[in-house]
Amino acid sequence: MIEPAHPKLSLTRQCELLELPRSTYYHQPKAPDDQNLALMRVIDETYLAYPFFGSRQMTRWLLRQGYAVNRKRVRRLMRLMNLTAIYRKPNLSKRAKAHRIYPYLLRDLVVDRPNQVWATDITYIPVRGGYIYLCAVIDWHTRMVLSWD
């Protein structure tokens, strides 16, 4: 893209034409150091065990384990790994006034045979680096999982 030995265009002019700062040409990215990689591995393992830890709790936990870290560093590394605390958000169970309320049709129903009532559930499962969703369809009478994805 940029040719340092171009006969007619200087390096400065080439950077101007590409709309790049000249410092971008000289920038040499550094590889992450081993200390940060080891700390990121510990943060990832801790996050799998405690996915509700934010940067503050993670920092306190790492300090108790003997790591010399501060919150800014933990927050930066968690952001780099795309990790966020999983917790109940406020006001999620409040109903919207514009939504219609449907009657509960199964209130007095006796479930006494298979395939009479099915239910579905969606949940998440923590895995390395984040989580995945699981959706299952369950028969109420036999309590068997009919389908999952």
C-alpha atoms as a PDB file:
ATOM      1  CA  MET A   1       0.000   0.000   0.000  1.00  0.00           C
ATOM      2  CA  ILE A   2       2.668   2.505   1.034  1.00  0.00           C
ATOM      3  CA  GLU A   3       5.954   2.275  -0.802  1.00  0.00           C
ATOM      4  CA  PRO A   4       8.792   3.907   1.149  1.00  0.00           C
ATOM      5  CA  ALA A   5      11.050   4.086  -1.941  1.00  0.00           C
ATOM      6  CA  HIS A   6       8.472   5.588  -4.322  1.00  0.00           C
ATOM      7  CA  PRO A   7      10.258   7.837  -6.846  1.00  0.00           C
ATOM      8  CA  LYS A   8       7.629  10.633  -7.038  1.00  0.00           C
ATOM      9  CA  LEU A   9       5.559  10.531  -3.849  1.00  0.00           C
ATOM     10  CA  SER A  10       7.013  11.126  -0.444  1.00  0.00           C
ATOM     11  CA  LEU A  11       5.970   9.016   2.498  1.00  0.00           C
ATOM     12  CA  THR A  12       4.072  11.962   3.977  1.00  0.00           C
ATOM     13  CA  ARG A  13       2.125  12.505   0.736  1.00  0.00           C
ATOM     14  CA  GLN A  14       1.255   8.811   0.441  1.00  0.00           C
ATOM     15  CA  CYS A  15      -0.141   8.848   3.966  1.00  0.00           C
ATOM     16  CA  GLU A  16      -2.148  11.991   3.162  1.00  0.00           C
ATOM     17  CA  LEU A  17      -3.625  10.357   0.050  1.00  0.00           C
ATOM     18  CA  LEU A  18      -4.646   7.302   2.067  1.00  0.00           C
ATOM     19  CA  GLU A  19      -5.992   9.571   4.836  1.00  0.00           C
ATOM     20  CA  LEU A  20      -3.806   7.859   7.433  1.00  0.00           C
ATOM     21  CA  PRO A  21      -1.748   9.504  10.134  1.00  0.00           C
ATOM     22  CA  ARG A  22       1.940   9.121   9.413  1.00  0.00           C
ATOM     23  CA  SER A  23       2.437   7.508  12.815  1.00  0.00           C
ATOM     24  CA  THR A  24       0.310   4.582  11.610  1.00  0.00           C
ATOM     25  CA  TYR A  25       3.009   3.693   9.108  1.00  0.00           C
ATOM     26  CA  TYR A  26       5.670   3.578  11.802  1.00  0.00           C
ATOM     27  CA  HIS A  27       3.524   1.812  14.399  1.00  0.00           C
ATOM     28  CA  GLN A  28       4.645  -1.725  15.233  1.00  0.00           C
ATOM     29  CA  PRO A  29       2.074  -3.572  17.345  1.00  0.00           C
ATOM     30  CA  LYS A  30       3.398  -5.305  20.432  1.00  0.00           C
ATOM     31  CA  ALA A  31       2.478  -8.855  21.289  1.00  0.00           C
ATOM     32  CA  PRO A  32       0.629  -9.242  24.586  1.00  0.00           C
ATOM     33  CA  ASP A  33       3.048  -9.985  27.393  1.00  0.00           C
ATOM     34  CA  ASP A  34       3.048 -13.320  29.198  1.00  0.00           C
ATOM     35  CA  GLN A  35       1.916 -11.769  32.481  1.00  0.00           C
ATOM     36  CA  ASN A  36      -1.282 -10.389  30.903  1.00  0.00           C
ATOM     37  CA  LEU A  37      -1.956 -13.685  29.102  1.00  0.00           C
ATOM     38  CA  ALA A  38      -1.609 -15.617  32.355  1.00  0.00           C
ATOM     39  CA  LEU A  39      -3.882 -13.123  34.124  1.00  0.00           C
ATOM     40  CA  MET A  40      -6.439 -13.364  31.316  1.00  0.00           C
ATOM     41  CA  ARG A  41      -6.465 -17.155  31.687  1.00  0.00           C
ATOM     42  CA  VAL A  42      -7.119 -16.817  35.436  1.00  0.00           C
ATOM     43  CA  ILE A  43      -9.873 -14.252  34.817  1.00  0.00           C
ATOM     44  CA  ASP A  44     -11.503 -16.553  32.249  1.00  0.00           C
ATOM     45  CA  GLU A  45     -11.454 -19.547  34.611  1.00  0.00           C
ATOM     46  CA  THR A  46     -12.832 -17.426  37.440  1.00  0.00           C
ATOM     47  CA  TYR A  47     -15.543 -16.005  35.168  1.00  0.00           C
ATOM     48  CA  LEU A  48     -16.681 -19.539  34.280  1.00  0.00           C
ATOM     49  CA  ALA A  49     -17.037 -20.333  37.981  1.00  0.00           C
ATOM     50  CA  TYR A  50     -18.530 -16.947  38.942  1.00  0.00           C
ATOM     51  CA  PRO A  51     -20.181 -15.339  35.881  1.00  0.00           C
ATOM     52  CA  PHE A  52     -21.766 -12.654  38.085  1.00  0.00           C
ATOM     53  CA  PHE A  53     -18.362 -11.125  38.918  1.00  0.00           C
ATOM     54  CA  GLY A  54     -17.866  -7.675  37.461  1.00  0.00           C
ATOM     55  CA  SER A  55     -14.528  -5.881  37.375  1.00  0.00           C
ATOM     56  CA  ARG A  56     -14.790  -4.831  41.046  1.00  0.00           C
ATOM     57  CA  GLN A  57     -15.509  -8.286  42.430  1.00  0.00           C
ATOM     58  CA  MET A  58     -12.990  -9.861  40.060  1.00  0.00           C
ATOM     59  CA  THR A  59     -10.316  -7.416  41.271  1.00  0.00           C
ATOM     60  CA  ARG A  60     -11.061  -8.198  44.920  1.00  0.00           C
ATOM     61  CA  TRP A  61     -10.969 -11.934  44.229  1.00  0.00           C
ATOM     62  CA  LEU A  62      -7.646 -11.669  42.355  1.00  0.00           C
ATOM     63  CA  LEU A  63      -6.128  -9.588  45.162  1.00  0.00           C
ATOM     64  CA  ARG A  64      -7.169 -12.253  47.702  1.00  0.00           C
ATOM     65  CA  GLN A  65      -5.506 -14.880  45.475  1.00  0.00           C
ATOM     66  CA  GLY A  66      -2.233 -12.929  45.553  1.00  0.00           C
ATOM     67  CA  TYR A  67      -2.251 -11.190  42.147  1.00  0.00           C
ATOM     68  CA  ALA A  68      -1.057  -7.574  42.077  1.00  0.00           C
ATOM     69  CA  VAL A  69      -3.779  -5.949  39.946  1.00  0.00           C
ATOM     70  CA  ASN A  70      -5.914  -2.860  39.993  1.00  0.00           C
ATOM     71  CA  ARG A  71      -9.465  -2.398  38.776  1.00  0.00           C
ATOM     72  CA  LYS A  72      -8.525  -0.535  35.599  1.00  0.00           C
ATOM     73  CA  ARG A  73      -6.339  -3.392  34.426  1.00  0.00           C
ATOM     74  CA  VAL A  74      -8.974  -6.026  35.210  1.00  0.00           C
ATOM     75  CA  ARG A  75     -11.652  -3.952  33.478  1.00  0.00           C
ATOM     76  CA  ARG A  76      -9.439  -3.538  30.395  1.00  0.00           C
ATOM     77  CA  LEU A  77      -8.674  -7.263  30.216  1.00  0.00           C
ATOM     78  CA  MET A  78     -12.320  -8.230  30.752  1.00  0.00           C
ATOM     79  CA  ARG A  79     -13.338  -5.813  27.993  1.00  0.00           C
ATOM     80  CA  LEU A  80     -10.655  -7.288  25.738  1.00  0.00           C
ATOM     81  CA  MET A  81     -12.064 -10.785  26.367  1.00  0.00           C
ATOM     82  CA  ASN A  82     -15.645  -9.492  25.959  1.00  0.00           C
ATOM     83  CA  LEU A  83     -16.685 -10.608  29.458  1.00  0.00           C
ATOM     84  CA  THR A  84     -19.503  -8.836  31.284  1.00  0.00           C
ATOM     85  CA  ALA A  85     -21.170  -9.676  34.587  1.00  0.00           C
ATOM     86  CA  ILE A  86     -24.383 -11.653  34.327  1.00  0.00           C
ATOM     87  CA  TYR A  87     -26.935 -10.392  36.825  1.00  0.00           C
ATOM     88  CA  ARG A  88     -30.598  -9.580  37.048  1.00  0.00           C
ATOM     89  CA  LYS A  89     -31.297  -6.279  35.378  1.00  0.00           C
ATOM     90  CA  PRO A  90     -33.721  -3.909  37.108  1.00  0.00           C
ATOM     91  CA  ASN A  91     -37.415  -3.742  36.168  1.00  0.00           C
ATOM     92  CA  LEU A  92     -37.392  -6.763  33.865  1.00  0.00           C
ATOM     93  CA  SER A  93     -40.360  -8.377  35.599  1.00  0.00           C
ATOM     94  CA  LYS A  94     -42.542  -5.278  35.551  1.00  0.00           C
ATOM     95  CA  ARG A  95     -45.340  -5.628  33.072  1.00  0.00           C
ATOM     96  CA  ALA A  96     -45.827  -3.154  30.273  1.00  0.00           C
ATOM     97  CA  LYS A  97     -49.158  -1.408  30.672  1.00  0.00           C
ATOM     98  CA  ALA A  98     -49.885  -1.647  26.939  1.00  0.00           C
ATOM     99  CA  HIS A  99     -49.570  -5.455  26.857  1.00  0.00           C
ATOM    100  CA  ARG A 100     -52.674  -7.586  27.108  1.00  0.00           C
ATOM    101  CA  ILE A 101     -52.923 -10.035  30.040  1.00  0.00           C
ATOM    102  CA  TYR A 102     -53.974 -13.495  28.871  1.00  0.00           C
ATOM    103  CA  PRO A 103     -55.845 -15.880  31.176  1.00  0.00           C
ATOM    104  CA  TYR A 104     -53.973 -18.911  32.570  1.00  0.00           C
ATOM    105  CA  LEU A 105     -55.769 -21.754  30.792  1.00  0.00           C
ATOM    106  CA  LEU A 106     -54.106 -24.601  32.708  1.00  0.00           C
ATOM    107  CA  ARG A 107     -55.143 -23.513  36.211  1.00  0.00           C
ATOM    108  CA  ASP A 108     -57.734 -26.225  36.923  1.00  0.00           C
ATOM    109  CA  LEU A 109     -56.548 -28.743  34.316  1.00  0.00           C
ATOM    110  CA  VAL A 110     -55.550 -32.219  35.540  1.00  0.00           C
ATOM    111  CA  VAL A 111     -52.649 -33.503  33.428  1.00  0.00           C
ATOM    112  CA  ASP A 112     -53.181 -37.285  33.315  1.00  0.00           C
ATOM    113  CA  ARG A 113     -51.856 -38.448  29.924  1.00  0.00           C
ATOM    114  CA  PRO A 114     -48.792 -37.911  27.733  1.00  0.00           C
ATOM    115  CA  ASN A 115     -48.844 -35.242  25.006  1.00  0.00           C
ATOM    116  CA  GLN A 116     -51.641 -33.376  26.787  1.00  0.00           C
ATOM    117  CA  VAL A 117     -49.507 -30.388  27.834  1.00  0.00           C
ATOM    118  CA  TRP A 118     -46.084 -29.375  26.607  1.00  0.00           C
ATOM    119  CA  ALA A 119     -43.849 -26.678  28.037  1.00  0.00           C
ATOM    120  CA  THR A 120     -40.773 -24.940  26.734  1.00  0.00           C
ATOM    121  CA  ASP A 121     -37.836 -23.360  28.478  1.00  0.00           C
ATOM    122  CA  ILE A 122     -34.874 -21.295  27.329  1.00  0.00           C
ATOM    123  CA  THR A 123     -31.767 -21.058  29.474  1.00  0.00           C
ATOM    124  CA  TYR A 124     -28.091 -20.308  29.054  1.00  0.00           C
ATOM    125  CA  ILE A 125     -25.132 -22.533  29.870  1.00  0.00           C
ATOM    126  CA  PRO A 126     -21.729 -21.018  30.688  1.00  0.00           C
ATOM    127  CA  VAL A 127     -18.897 -22.257  28.471  1.00  0.00           C
ATOM    128  CA  ARG A 128     -15.323 -21.136  27.956  1.00  0.00           C
ATOM    129  CA  GLY A 129     -15.355 -17.521  26.803  1.00  0.00           C
ATOM    130  CA  GLY A 130     -19.072 -16.834  27.293  1.00  0.00           C
ATOM    131  CA  TYR A 131     -22.296 -18.851  27.258  1.00  0.00           C
ATOM    132  CA  ILE A 132     -24.673 -20.676  24.901  1.00  0.00           C
ATOM    133  CA  TYR A 133     -28.462 -20.894  24.877  1.00  0.00           C
ATOM    134  CA  LEU A 134     -30.460 -24.110  25.334  1.00  0.00           C
ATOM    135  CA  CYS A 135     -34.100 -24.397  24.314  1.00  0.00           C
ATOM    136  CA  ALA A 136     -36.070 -27.505  25.376  1.00  0.00           C
ATOM    137  CA  VAL A 137     -39.648 -28.768  24.900  1.00  0.00           C
ATOM    138  CA  ILE A 138     -40.890 -30.914  27.798  1.00  0.00           C
ATOM    139  CA  ASP A 139     -43.968 -33.105  28.208  1.00  0.00           C
ATOM    140  CA  TRP A 140     -45.610 -32.276  31.560  1.00  0.00           C
ATOM    141  CA  HIS A 141     -46.999 -35.741  32.263  1.00  0.00           C
ATOM    142  CA  THR A 142     -43.919 -37.886  31.523  1.00  0.00           C
ATOM    143  CA  ARG A 143     -41.417 -35.062  32.164  1.00  0.00           C
ATOM    144  CA  MET A 144     -39.461 -36.202  29.119  1.00  0.00           C
ATOM    145  CA  VAL A 145     -37.555 -33.804  26.910  1.00  0.00           C
ATOM    146  CA  LEU A 146     -39.235 -34.036  23.516  1.00  0.00           C
ATOM    147  CA  SER A 147     -36.867 -31.731  21.660  1.00  0.00           C
ATOM    148  CA  TRP A 148     -33.897 -29.492  22.358  1.00  0.00           C
ATOM    149  CA  ASP A 149     -31.669 -27.185  20.387  1.00  0.00           C
END
